[in-house]
Amino acid sequence: MLVLYGGWFASEHFGLSPYAVFAACVPLIALASWGSYVLIEKRLYRGIKGWLDSRRAVPVAVPLTRQNY
């Protein structure tokens, strides 16, 4: 939404074609969406998954023996 508003502002202020500004905004929005997915959502998923897996891990019982090493 902010990208489109910035594009509208640029088209009004600098007298650019609204169609050209929109054509420039679409790839910018796609790039920002992809970056958000990679940098935020994937890292958050991995972090939460690791945290949950560590909470679910069952501690390994050490067998008791009479042998001394």
PDB file of N, CA and C in Angstrom:
ATOM      1  N   MET A   1       0.824  -1.180   0.000  1.00  0.00           N
ATOM      2  CA  MET A   1       0.000   0.000   0.000  1.00  0.00           C
ATOM      3  C   MET A   1       0.877   1.257   0.000  1.00  0.00           C
ATOM      4  N   LEU A   2       1.928   1.232   0.790  1.00  0.00           N
ATOM      5  CA  LEU A   2       2.814   2.396   0.840  1.00  0.00           C
ATOM      6  C   LEU A   2       3.561   2.588  -0.476  1.00  0.00           C
ATOM      7  N   VAL A   3       3.879   1.495  -1.146  1.00  0.00           N
ATOM      8  CA  VAL A   3       4.582   1.607  -2.423  1.00  0.00           C
ATOM      9  C   VAL A   3       3.679   2.282  -3.459  1.00  0.00           C
ATOM     10  N   LEU A   4       2.423   1.884  -3.486  1.00  0.00           N
ATOM     11  CA  LEU A   4       1.499   2.507  -4.447  1.00  0.00           C
ATOM     12  C   LEU A   4       1.249   3.972  -4.107  1.00  0.00           C
ATOM     13  N   TYR A   5       1.168   4.284  -2.834  1.00  0.00           N
ATOM     14  CA  TYR A   5       0.990   5.682  -2.452  1.00  0.00           C
ATOM     15  C   TYR A   5       2.210   6.508  -2.852  1.00  0.00           C
ATOM     16  N   GLY A   6       3.390   5.947  -2.610  1.00  0.00           N
ATOM     17  CA  GLY A   6       4.616   6.636  -3.021  1.00  0.00           C
ATOM     18  C   GLY A   6       4.681   6.812  -4.528  1.00  0.00           C
ATOM     19  N   GLY A   7       4.213   5.808  -5.267  1.00  0.00           N
ATOM     20  CA  GLY A   7       4.169   5.925  -6.725  1.00  0.00           C
ATOM     21  C   GLY A   7       3.196   6.990  -7.180  1.00  0.00           C
ATOM     22  N   TRP A   8       2.035   7.043  -6.536  1.00  0.00           N
ATOM     23  CA  TRP A   8       1.069   8.090  -6.886  1.00  0.00           C
ATOM     24  C   TRP A   8       1.650   9.470  -6.599  1.00  0.00           C
ATOM     25  N   PHE A   9       2.301   9.593  -5.439  1.00  0.00           N
ATOM     26  CA  PHE A   9       2.907  10.876  -5.078  1.00  0.00           C
ATOM     27  C   PHE A   9       3.966  11.275  -6.107  1.00  0.00           C
ATOM     28  N   ALA A  10       4.802  10.312  -6.514  1.00  0.00           N
ATOM     29  CA  ALA A  10       5.847  10.605  -7.504  1.00  0.00           C
ATOM     30  C   ALA A  10       5.237  10.992  -8.849  1.00  0.00           C
ATOM     31  N   SER A  11       4.157  10.310  -9.229  1.00  0.00           N
ATOM     32  CA  SER A  11       3.543  10.643 -10.520  1.00  0.00           C
ATOM     33  C   SER A  11       2.913  12.031 -10.495  1.00  0.00           C
ATOM     34  N   GLU A  12       2.344  12.408  -9.368  1.00  0.00           N
ATOM     35  CA  GLU A  12       1.748  13.747  -9.259  1.00  0.00           C
ATOM     36  C   GLU A  12       2.823  14.830  -9.159  1.00  0.00           C
ATOM     37  N   HIS A  13       3.848  14.569  -8.391  1.00  0.00           N
ATOM     38  CA  HIS A  13       4.871  15.584  -8.136  1.00  0.00           C
ATOM     39  C   HIS A  13       5.779  15.800  -9.347  1.00  0.00           C
ATOM     40  N   PHE A  14       6.166  14.713 -10.011  1.00  0.00           N
ATOM     41  CA  PHE A  14       7.107  14.823 -11.114  1.00  0.00           C
ATOM     42  C   PHE A  14       6.438  14.747 -12.480  1.00  0.00           C
ATOM     43  N   GLY A  15       5.128  14.589 -12.514  1.00  0.00           N
ATOM     44  CA  GLY A  15       4.412  14.539 -13.784  1.00  0.00           C
ATOM     45  C   GLY A  15       4.672  13.270 -14.575  1.00  0.00           C
ATOM     46  N   LEU A  16       4.878  12.163 -13.890  1.00  0.00           N
ATOM     47  CA  LEU A  16       5.131  10.880 -14.560  1.00  0.00           C
ATOM     48  C   LEU A  16       3.817  10.239 -14.970  1.00  0.00           C
ATOM     49  N   SER A  17       3.904   9.333 -15.925  1.00  0.00           N
ATOM     50  CA  SER A  17       2.728   8.611 -16.370  1.00  0.00           C
ATOM     51  C   SER A  17       2.281   7.642 -15.266  1.00  0.00           C
ATOM     52  N   PRO A  18       1.001   7.674 -14.901  1.00  0.00           N
ATOM     53  CA  PRO A  18       0.525   6.756 -13.853  1.00  0.00           C
ATOM     54  C   PRO A  18       0.701   5.286 -14.234  1.00  0.00           C
ATOM     55  N   TYR A  19       0.599   4.966 -15.518  1.00  0.00           N
ATOM     56  CA  TYR A  19       0.766   3.588 -15.968  1.00  0.00           C
ATOM     57  C   TYR A  19       2.217   3.125 -15.815  1.00  0.00           C
ATOM     58  N   ALA A  20       3.151   4.011 -16.125  1.00  0.00           N
ATOM     59  CA  ALA A  20       4.568   3.671 -15.973  1.00  0.00           C
ATOM     60  C   ALA A  20       4.929   3.513 -14.499  1.00  0.00           C
ATOM     61  N   VAL A  21       4.360   4.377 -13.668  1.00  0.00           N
ATOM     62  CA  VAL A  21       4.632   4.284 -12.233  1.00  0.00           C
ATOM     63  C   VAL A  21       4.053   2.989 -11.671  1.00  0.00           C
ATOM     64  N   PHE A  22       2.850   2.629 -12.100  1.00  0.00           N
ATOM     65  CA  PHE A  22       2.232   1.375 -11.652  1.00  0.00           C
ATOM     66  C   PHE A  22       3.059   0.180 -12.121  1.00  0.00           C
ATOM     67  N   ALA A  23       3.546   0.249 -13.365  1.00  0.00           N
ATOM     68  CA  ALA A  23       4.375  -0.838 -13.897  1.00  0.00           C
ATOM     69  C   ALA A  23       5.684  -0.972 -13.114  1.00  0.00           C
ATOM     70  N   ALA A  24       6.182   0.116 -12.574  1.00  0.00           N
ATOM     71  CA  ALA A  24       7.398   0.052 -11.758  1.00  0.00           C
ATOM     72  C   ALA A  24       7.090  -0.413 -10.335  1.00  0.00           C
ATOM     73  N   CYS A  25       5.889  -0.132  -9.852  1.00  0.00           N
ATOM     74  CA  CYS A  25       5.528  -0.499  -8.483  1.00  0.00           C
ATOM     75  C   CYS A  25       5.251  -1.991  -8.333  1.00  0.00           C
ATOM     76  N   VAL A  26       4.709  -2.626  -9.357  1.00  0.00           N
ATOM     77  CA  VAL A  26       4.347  -4.048  -9.262  1.00  0.00           C
ATOM     78  C   VAL A  26       5.574  -4.926  -9.003  1.00  0.00           C
ATOM     79  N   PRO A  27       6.677  -4.798  -9.767  1.00  0.00           N
ATOM     80  CA  PRO A  27       7.854  -5.613  -9.441  1.00  0.00           C
ATOM     81  C   PRO A  27       8.448  -5.270  -8.075  1.00  0.00           C
ATOM     82  N   LEU A  28       8.359  -4.002  -7.696  1.00  0.00           N
ATOM     83  CA  LEU A  28       8.863  -3.608  -6.379  1.00  0.00           C
ATOM     84  C   LEU A  28       8.063  -4.265  -5.259  1.00  0.00           C
ATOM     85  N   ILE A  29       6.764  -4.339  -5.418  1.00  0.00           N
ATOM     86  CA  ILE A  29       5.912  -5.006  -4.431  1.00  0.00           C
ATOM     87  C   ILE A  29       6.225  -6.500  -4.394  1.00  0.00           C
ATOM     88  N   ALA A  30       6.411  -7.114  -5.568  1.00  0.00           N
ATOM     89  CA  ALA A  30       6.739  -8.543  -5.630  1.00  0.00           C
ATOM     90  C   ALA A  30       8.080  -8.817  -4.962  1.00  0.00           C
ATOM     91  N   LEU A  31       9.062  -7.976  -5.199  1.00  0.00           N
ATOM     92  CA  LEU A  31      10.377  -8.143  -4.585  1.00  0.00           C
ATOM     93  C   LEU A  31      10.311  -7.972  -3.076  1.00  0.00           C
ATOM     94  N   ALA A  32       9.559  -6.994  -2.612  1.00  0.00           N
ATOM     95  CA  ALA A  32       9.417  -6.778  -1.169  1.00  0.00           C
ATOM     96  C   ALA A  32       8.670  -7.945  -0.512  1.00  0.00           C
ATOM     97  N   SER A  33       7.687  -8.504  -1.197  1.00  0.00           N
ATOM     98  CA  SER A  33       6.952  -9.653  -0.657  1.00  0.00           C
ATOM     99  C   SER A  33       7.857 -10.864  -0.541  1.00  0.00           C
ATOM    100  N   TRP A  34       8.657 -11.118  -1.570  1.00  0.00           N
ATOM    101  CA  TRP A  34       9.575 -12.245  -1.534  1.00  0.00           C
ATOM    102  C   TRP A  34      10.611 -12.061  -0.425  1.00  0.00           C
ATOM    103  N   GLY A  35      11.141 -10.855  -0.306  1.00  0.00           N
ATOM    104  CA  GLY A  35      12.119 -10.582   0.749  1.00  0.00           C
ATOM    105  C   GLY A  35      11.530 -10.759   2.136  1.00  0.00           C
ATOM    106  N   SER A  36      10.310 -10.335   2.312  1.00  0.00           N
ATOM    107  CA  SER A  36       9.638 -10.516   3.589  1.00  0.00           C
ATOM    108  C   SER A  36       9.463 -11.992   3.894  1.00  0.00           C
ATOM    109  N   TYR A  37       9.085 -12.774   2.903  1.00  0.00           N
ATOM    110  CA  TYR A  37       8.901 -14.209   3.098  1.00  0.00           C
ATOM    111  C   TYR A  37      10.216 -14.874   3.502  1.00  0.00           C
ATOM    112  N   VAL A  38      11.274 -14.549   2.781  1.00  0.00           N
ATOM    113  CA  VAL A  38      12.554 -15.203   3.038  1.00  0.00           C
ATOM    114  C   VAL A  38      13.145 -14.759   4.377  1.00  0.00           C
ATOM    115  N   LEU A  39      13.153 -13.468   4.620  1.00  0.00           N
ATOM    116  CA  LEU A  39      13.842 -12.962   5.796  1.00  0.00           C
ATOM    117  C   LEU A  39      13.046 -13.094   7.092  1.00  0.00           C
ATOM    118  N   ILE A  40      11.747 -12.986   7.015  1.00  0.00           N
ATOM    119  CA  ILE A  40      10.947 -12.996   8.248  1.00  0.00           C
ATOM    120  C   ILE A  40      10.254 -14.331   8.453  1.00  0.00           C
ATOM    121  N   GLU A  41       9.448 -14.743   7.490  1.00  0.00           N
ATOM    122  CA  GLU A  41       8.595 -15.906   7.720  1.00  0.00           C
ATOM    123  C   GLU A  41       9.379 -17.209   7.776  1.00  0.00           C
ATOM    124  N   LYS A  42      10.358 -17.397   6.901  1.00  0.00           N
ATOM    125  CA  LYS A  42      11.147 -18.626   6.939  1.00  0.00           C
ATOM    126  C   LYS A  42      11.967 -18.713   8.217  1.00  0.00           C
ATOM    127  N   ARG A  43      12.598 -17.639   8.624  1.00  0.00           N
ATOM    128  CA  ARG A  43      13.392 -17.641   9.856  1.00  0.00           C
ATOM    129  C   ARG A  43      12.512 -17.860  11.074  1.00  0.00           C
ATOM    130  N   LEU A  44      11.343 -17.233  11.078  1.00  0.00           N
ATOM    131  CA  LEU A  44      10.429 -17.407  12.199  1.00  0.00           C
ATOM    132  C   LEU A  44       9.952 -18.851  12.274  1.00  0.00           C
ATOM    133  N   TYR A  45       9.646 -19.452  11.129  1.00  0.00           N
ATOM    134  CA  TYR A  45       9.208 -20.849  11.103  1.00  0.00           C
ATOM    135  C   TYR A  45      10.308 -21.765  11.632  1.00  0.00           C
ATOM    136  N   ARG A  46      11.527 -21.565  11.167  1.00  0.00           N
ATOM    137  CA  ARG A  46      12.635 -22.410  11.621  1.00  0.00           C
ATOM    138  C   ARG A  46      12.890 -22.233  13.120  1.00  0.00           C
ATOM    139  N   GLY A  47      12.818 -21.011  13.587  1.00  0.00           N
ATOM    140  CA  GLY A  47      13.042 -20.763  15.011  1.00  0.00           C
ATOM    141  C   GLY A  47      11.984 -21.397  15.892  1.00  0.00           C
ATOM    142  N   ILE A  48      10.730 -21.242  15.504  1.00  0.00           N
ATOM    143  CA  ILE A  48       9.635 -21.823  16.298  1.00  0.00           C
ATOM    144  C   ILE A  48       9.683 -23.344  16.213  1.00  0.00           C
ATOM    145  N   LYS A  49       9.991 -23.891  15.028  1.00  0.00           N
ATOM    146  CA  LYS A  49      10.075 -25.344  14.881  1.00  0.00           C
ATOM    147  C   LYS A  49      11.196 -25.901  15.757  1.00  0.00           C
ATOM    148  N   GLY A  50      12.339 -25.268  15.769  1.00  0.00           N
ATOM    149  CA  GLY A  50      13.442 -25.715  16.620  1.00  0.00           C
ATOM    150  C   GLY A  50      13.100 -25.625  18.090  1.00  0.00           C
ATOM    151  N   TRP A  51      12.419 -24.565  18.469  1.00  0.00           N
ATOM    152  CA  TRP A  51      12.027 -24.396  19.862  1.00  0.00           C
ATOM    153  C   TRP A  51      11.038 -25.477  20.277  1.00  0.00           C
ATOM    154  N   LEU A  52      10.049 -25.754  19.412  1.00  0.00           N
ATOM    155  CA  LEU A  52       9.068 -26.795  19.736  1.00  0.00           C
ATOM    156  C   LEU A  52       9.698 -28.182  19.748  1.00  0.00           C
ATOM    157  N   ASP A  53      10.599 -28.447  18.811  1.00  0.00           N
ATOM    158  CA  ASP A  53      11.265 -29.747  18.791  1.00  0.00           C
ATOM    159  C   ASP A  53      12.105 -29.964  20.043  1.00  0.00           C
ATOM    160  N   SER A  54      12.741 -28.911  20.520  1.00  0.00           N
ATOM    161  CA  SER A  54      13.552 -29.060  21.731  1.00  0.00           C
ATOM    162  C   SER A  54      12.672 -29.290  22.958  1.00  0.00           C
ATOM    163  N   ARG A  55      11.470 -28.756  22.954  1.00  0.00           N
ATOM    164  CA  ARG A  55      10.560 -28.977  24.081  1.00  0.00           C
ATOM    165  C   ARG A  55       9.977 -30.382  24.052  1.00  0.00           C
ATOM    166  N   ARG A  56       9.806 -30.944  22.850  1.00  0.00           N
ATOM    167  CA  ARG A  56       9.227 -32.277  22.714  1.00  0.00           C
ATOM    168  C   ARG A  56      10.246 -33.390  22.891  1.00  0.00           C
ATOM    169  N   ALA A  57      11.518 -33.061  22.844  1.00  0.00           N
ATOM    170  CA  ALA A  57      12.557 -34.082  22.917  1.00  0.00           C
ATOM    171  C   ALA A  57      12.475 -34.818  24.251  1.00  0.00           C
ATOM    172  N   VAL A  58      12.499 -36.128  24.147  1.00  0.00           N
ATOM    173  CA  VAL A  58      12.458 -36.961  25.341  1.00  0.00           C
ATOM    174  C   VAL A  58      13.892 -37.187  25.798  1.00  0.00           C
ATOM    175  N   PRO A  59      14.181 -36.920  27.063  1.00  0.00           N
ATOM    176  CA  PRO A  59      15.557 -37.147  27.532  1.00  0.00           C
ATOM    177  C   PRO A  59      15.902 -38.640  27.472  1.00  0.00           C
ATOM    178  N   VAL A  60      17.112 -38.917  27.040  1.00  0.00           N
ATOM    179  CA  VAL A  60      17.564 -40.292  26.918  1.00  0.00           C
ATOM    180  C   VAL A  60      17.968 -40.796  28.299  1.00  0.00           C
ATOM    181  N   ALA A  61      17.403 -41.925  28.693  1.00  0.00           N
ATOM    182  CA  ALA A  61      17.726 -42.499  29.996  1.00  0.00           C
ATOM    183  C   ALA A  61      19.083 -43.190  29.921  1.00  0.00           C
ATOM    184  N   VAL A  62      19.909 -42.918  30.894  1.00  0.00           N
ATOM    185  CA  VAL A  62      21.231 -43.541  30.960  1.00  0.00           C
ATOM    186  C   VAL A  62      21.074 -44.856  31.713  1.00  0.00           C
ATOM    187  N   PRO A  63      21.486 -45.968  31.105  1.00  0.00           N
ATOM    188  CA  PRO A  63      21.320 -47.246  31.802  1.00  0.00           C
ATOM    189  C   PRO A  63      22.268 -47.334  33.013  1.00  0.00           C
ATOM    190  N   LEU A  64      21.748 -47.840  34.054  1.00  0.00           N
ATOM    191  CA  LEU A  64      22.557 -48.021  35.265  1.00  0.00           C
ATOM    192  C   LEU A  64      23.260 -49.376  35.200  1.00  0.00           C
ATOM    193  N   THR A  65      24.557 -49.372  35.411  1.00  0.00           N
ATOM    194  CA  THR A  65      25.335 -50.613  35.413  1.00  0.00           C
ATOM    195  C   THR A  65      26.218 -50.631  36.637  1.00  0.00           C
ATOM    196  N   ARG A  66      26.766 -51.785  36.919  1.00  0.00           N
ATOM    197  CA  ARG A  66      27.664 -51.928  38.061  1.00  0.00           C
ATOM    198  C   ARG A  66      29.128 -51.869  37.605  1.00  0.00           C
ATOM    199  N   GLN A  67      29.345 -51.672  36.314  1.00  0.00           N
ATOM    200  CA  GLN A  67      30.715 -51.664  35.813  1.00  0.00           C
ATOM    201  C   GLN A  67      31.331 -50.292  36.025  1.00  0.00           C
ATOM    202  N   ASN A  68      32.564 -50.278  36.400  1.00  0.00           N
ATOM    203  CA  ASN A  68      33.317 -49.033  36.557  1.00  0.00           C
ATOM    204  C   ASN A  68      34.377 -48.981  35.471  1.00  0.00           C
ATOM    205  N   TYR A  69      34.418 -47.925  34.747  1.00  0.00           N
ATOM    206  CA  TYR A  69      35.412 -47.787  33.692  1.00  0.00           C
ATOM    207  C   TYR A  69      36.423 -46.770  34.052  1.00  0.00           C
TER     208      TYR A  69
END
